[in-house]
Amino acid sequence: MMLYLSFPVTMFWISNQAEYFEEYIVKRKVKESQKAEIEKIYH
C-alpha cells in the first residue's frame, strides 16, 4: 500500500524539479529563435 501511494507522489516530485529540464528548455528556445532569424533572413 505504501508503494502504491508513494509512486505517484514521487513522479509528481520528479516532474516538478526544474533543474532537470531547464537546460533542455533553454536549448530548445535557442534553436527556435535561431530558426526564426534564419527564416527571416532568407524570406
PDB file of N, CA and C in Angstrom:
ATOM      1  N   MET A   1       0.823  -1.199   0.000  1.00  0.00           N
ATOM      2  CA  MET A   1       0.000   0.000   0.000  1.00  0.00           C
ATOM      3  C   MET A   1       0.865   1.260   0.000  1.00  0.00           C
ATOM      4  N   MET A   2       1.953   1.213   0.747  1.00  0.00           N
ATOM      5  CA  MET A   2       2.845   2.373   0.799  1.00  0.00           C
ATOM      6  C   MET A   2       3.460   2.641  -0.574  1.00  0.00           C
ATOM      7  N   LEU A   3       3.857   1.603  -1.267  1.00  0.00           N
ATOM      8  CA  LEU A   3       4.413   1.758  -2.614  1.00  0.00           C
ATOM      9  C   LEU A   3       3.362   2.322  -3.560  1.00  0.00           C
ATOM     10  N   TYR A   4       2.156   1.857  -3.436  1.00  0.00           N
ATOM     11  CA  TYR A   4       1.046   2.317  -4.276  1.00  0.00           C
ATOM     12  C   TYR A   4       0.815   3.821  -4.109  1.00  0.00           C
ATOM     13  N   LEU A   5       0.970   4.325  -2.900  1.00  0.00           N
ATOM     14  CA  LEU A   5       0.770   5.751  -2.638  1.00  0.00           C
ATOM     15  C   LEU A   5       2.014   6.585  -2.933  1.00  0.00           C
ATOM     16  N   SER A   6       3.182   6.022  -2.735  1.00  0.00           N
ATOM     17  CA  SER A   6       4.403   6.810  -2.905  1.00  0.00           C
ATOM     18  C   SER A   6       4.809   6.973  -4.366  1.00  0.00           C
ATOM     19  N   PHE A   7       4.421   6.058  -5.236  1.00  0.00           N
ATOM     20  CA  PHE A   7       4.814   6.151  -6.647  1.00  0.00           C
ATOM     21  C   PHE A   7       4.301   7.429  -7.313  1.00  0.00           C
ATOM     22  N   PRO A   8       2.989   7.751  -7.253  1.00  0.00           N
ATOM     23  CA  PRO A   8       2.531   8.996  -7.890  1.00  0.00           C
ATOM     24  C   PRO A   8       3.140  10.249  -7.260  1.00  0.00           C
ATOM     25  N   VAL A   9       3.342  10.216  -5.954  1.00  0.00           N
ATOM     26  CA  VAL A   9       3.943  11.366  -5.275  1.00  0.00           C
ATOM     27  C   VAL A   9       5.374  11.567  -5.762  1.00  0.00           C
ATOM     28  N   THR A  10       6.112  10.480  -5.897  1.00  0.00           N
ATOM     29  CA  THR A  10       7.489  10.557  -6.385  1.00  0.00           C
ATOM     30  C   THR A  10       7.534  11.060  -7.820  1.00  0.00           C
ATOM     31  N   MET A  11       6.669  10.563  -8.675  1.00  0.00           N
ATOM     32  CA  MET A  11       6.635  11.015 -10.076  1.00  0.00           C
ATOM     33  C   MET A  11       6.296  12.504 -10.159  1.00  0.00           C
ATOM     34  N   PHE A  12       5.348  12.946  -9.340  1.00  0.00           N
ATOM     35  CA  PHE A  12       4.983  14.355  -9.318  1.00  0.00           C
ATOM     36  C   PHE A  12       6.167  15.202  -8.866  1.00  0.00           C
ATOM     37  N   TRP A  13       6.871  14.756  -7.836  1.00  0.00           N
ATOM     38  CA  TRP A  13       8.015  15.499  -7.310  1.00  0.00           C
ATOM     39  C   TRP A  13       9.119  15.597  -8.356  1.00  0.00           C
ATOM     40  N   ILE A  14       9.419  14.487  -9.037  1.00  0.00           N
ATOM     41  CA  ILE A  14      10.467  14.486 -10.061  1.00  0.00           C
ATOM     42  C   ILE A  14      10.087  15.396 -11.221  1.00  0.00           C
ATOM     43  N   SER A  15       8.843  15.337 -11.649  1.00  0.00           N
ATOM     44  CA  SER A  15       8.428  16.136 -12.805  1.00  0.00           C
ATOM     45  C   SER A  15       8.408  17.629 -12.495  1.00  0.00           C
ATOM     46  N   ASN A  16       8.391  17.998 -11.243  1.00  0.00           N
ATOM     47  CA  ASN A  16       8.379  19.414 -10.875  1.00  0.00           C
ATOM     48  C   ASN A  16       9.758  19.943 -10.482  1.00  0.00           C
ATOM     49  N   GLN A  17      10.793  19.163 -10.708  1.00  0.00           N
ATOM     50  CA  GLN A  17      12.143  19.634 -10.436  1.00  0.00           C
ATOM     51  C   GLN A  17      12.665  20.366 -11.673  1.00  0.00           C
ATOM     52  N   ALA A  18      12.706  21.674 -11.612  1.00  0.00           N
ATOM     53  CA  ALA A  18      13.032  22.498 -12.784  1.00  0.00           C
ATOM     54  C   ALA A  18      14.459  22.271 -13.276  1.00  0.00           C
ATOM     55  N   GLU A  19      15.393  21.990 -12.390  1.00  0.00           N
ATOM     56  CA  GLU A  19      16.781  21.874 -12.832  1.00  0.00           C
ATOM     57  C   GLU A  19      17.012  20.684 -13.769  1.00  0.00           C
ATOM     58  N   TYR A  20      16.152  19.681 -13.722  1.00  0.00           N
ATOM     59  CA  TYR A  20      16.293  18.554 -14.641  1.00  0.00           C
ATOM     60  C   TYR A  20      15.960  18.955 -16.074  1.00  0.00           C
ATOM     61  N   PHE A  21      15.028  19.887 -16.239  1.00  0.00           N
ATOM     62  CA  PHE A  21      14.522  20.226 -17.569  1.00  0.00           C
ATOM     63  C   PHE A  21      14.972  21.595 -18.054  1.00  0.00           C
ATOM     64  N   GLU A  22      15.604  22.366 -17.172  1.00  0.00           N
ATOM     65  CA  GLU A  22      15.949  23.745 -17.504  1.00  0.00           C
ATOM     66  C   GLU A  22      16.879  23.827 -18.707  1.00  0.00           C
ATOM     67  N   GLU A  23      17.922  23.020 -18.723  1.00  0.00           N
ATOM     68  CA  GLU A  23      18.885  23.048 -19.827  1.00  0.00           C
ATOM     69  C   GLU A  23      18.217  22.668 -21.147  1.00  0.00           C
ATOM     70  N   TYR A  24      17.360  21.670 -21.127  1.00  0.00           N
ATOM     71  CA  TYR A  24      16.654  21.239 -22.338  1.00  0.00           C
ATOM     72  C   TYR A  24      15.762  22.354 -22.880  1.00  0.00           C
ATOM     73  N   ILE A  25      15.046  23.024 -21.989  1.00  0.00           N
ATOM     74  CA  ILE A  25      14.131  24.087 -22.417  1.00  0.00           C
ATOM     75  C   ILE A  25      14.912  25.259 -22.996  1.00  0.00           C
ATOM     76  N   VAL A  26      16.015  25.628 -22.357  1.00  0.00           N
ATOM     77  CA  VAL A  26      16.829  26.740 -22.853  1.00  0.00           C
ATOM     78  C   VAL A  26      17.382  26.409 -24.232  1.00  0.00           C
ATOM     79  N   LYS A  27      17.891  25.199 -24.418  1.00  0.00           N
ATOM     80  CA  LYS A  27      18.426  24.804 -25.726  1.00  0.00           C
ATOM     81  C   LYS A  27      17.338  24.834 -26.789  1.00  0.00           C
ATOM     82  N   ARG A  28      16.147  24.369 -26.455  1.00  0.00           N
ATOM     83  CA  ARG A  28      15.051  24.346 -27.421  1.00  0.00           C
ATOM     84  C   ARG A  28      14.650  25.763 -27.819  1.00  0.00           C
ATOM     85  N   LYS A  29      14.598  26.674 -26.850  1.00  0.00           N
ATOM     86  CA  LYS A  29      14.230  28.056 -27.157  1.00  0.00           C
ATOM     87  C   LYS A  29      15.301  28.725 -28.011  1.00  0.00           C
ATOM     88  N   VAL A  30      16.563  28.431 -27.770  1.00  0.00           N
ATOM     89  CA  VAL A  30      17.640  28.997 -28.581  1.00  0.00           C
ATOM     90  C   VAL A  30      17.519  28.499 -30.009  1.00  0.00           C
ATOM     91  N   LYS A  31      17.250  27.214 -30.186  1.00  0.00           N
ATOM     92  CA  LYS A  31      17.085  26.666 -31.532  1.00  0.00           C
ATOM     93  C   LYS A  31      15.914  27.332 -32.249  1.00  0.00           C
ATOM     94  N   GLU A  32      14.803  27.533 -31.550  1.00  0.00           N
ATOM     95  CA  GLU A  32      13.630  28.163 -32.161  1.00  0.00           C
ATOM     96  C   GLU A  32      13.931  29.593 -32.582  1.00  0.00           C
ATOM     97  N   SER A  33      14.645  30.339 -31.735  1.00  0.00           N
ATOM     98  CA  SER A  33      14.944  31.731 -32.076  1.00  0.00           C
ATOM     99  C   SER A  33      15.932  31.798 -33.234  1.00  0.00           C
ATOM    100  N   GLN A  34      16.903  30.892 -33.270  1.00  0.00           N
ATOM    101  CA  GLN A  34      17.846  30.859 -34.390  1.00  0.00           C
ATOM    102  C   GLN A  34      17.122  30.489 -35.676  1.00  0.00           C
ATOM    103  N   LYS A  35      16.210  29.557 -35.596  1.00  0.00           N
ATOM    104  CA  LYS A  35      15.443  29.145 -36.772  1.00  0.00           C
ATOM    105  C   LYS A  35      14.606  30.311 -37.297  1.00  0.00           C
ATOM    106  N   ALA A  36      13.989  31.064 -36.402  1.00  0.00           N
ATOM    107  CA  ALA A  36      13.176  32.214 -36.804  1.00  0.00           C
ATOM    108  C   ALA A  36      14.041  33.280 -37.464  1.00  0.00           C
ATOM    109  N   GLU A  37      15.235  33.515 -36.934  1.00  0.00           N
ATOM    110  CA  GLU A  37      16.131  34.508 -37.525  1.00  0.00           C
ATOM    111  C   GLU A  37      16.574  34.083 -38.916  1.00  0.00           C
ATOM    112  N   ILE A  38      16.892  32.819 -39.086  1.00  0.00           N
ATOM    113  CA  ILE A  38      17.325  32.315 -40.393  1.00  0.00           C
ATOM    114  C   ILE A  38      16.191  32.424 -41.401  1.00  0.00           C
ATOM    115  N   GLU A  39      14.980  32.070 -40.991  1.00  0.00           N
ATOM    116  CA  GLU A  39      13.832  32.177 -41.897  1.00  0.00           C
ATOM    117  C   GLU A  39      13.564  33.629 -42.280  1.00  0.00           C
ATOM    118  N   LYS A  40      13.752  34.533 -41.335  1.00  0.00           N
ATOM    119  CA  LYS A  40      13.527  35.950 -41.611  1.00  0.00           C
ATOM    120  C   LYS A  40      14.555  36.459 -42.630  1.00  0.00           C
ATOM    121  N   ILE A  41      15.779  35.992 -42.535  1.00  0.00           N
ATOM    122  CA  ILE A  41      16.834  36.425 -43.456  1.00  0.00           C
ATOM    123  C   ILE A  41      16.561  35.922 -44.864  1.00  0.00           C
ATOM    124  N   TYR A  42      16.154  34.680 -44.992  1.00  0.00           N
ATOM    125  CA  TYR A  42      16.012  34.073 -46.315  1.00  0.00           C
ATOM    126  C   TYR A  42      14.645  34.279 -46.950  1.00  0.00           C
ATOM    127  N   HIS A  43      13.703  34.890 -46.242  1.00  0.00           N
ATOM    128  CA  HIS A  43      12.368  35.094 -46.838  1.00  0.00           C
ATOM    129  C   HIS A  43      12.090  36.540 -47.028  1.00  0.00           C
TER     130      HIS A  43
END
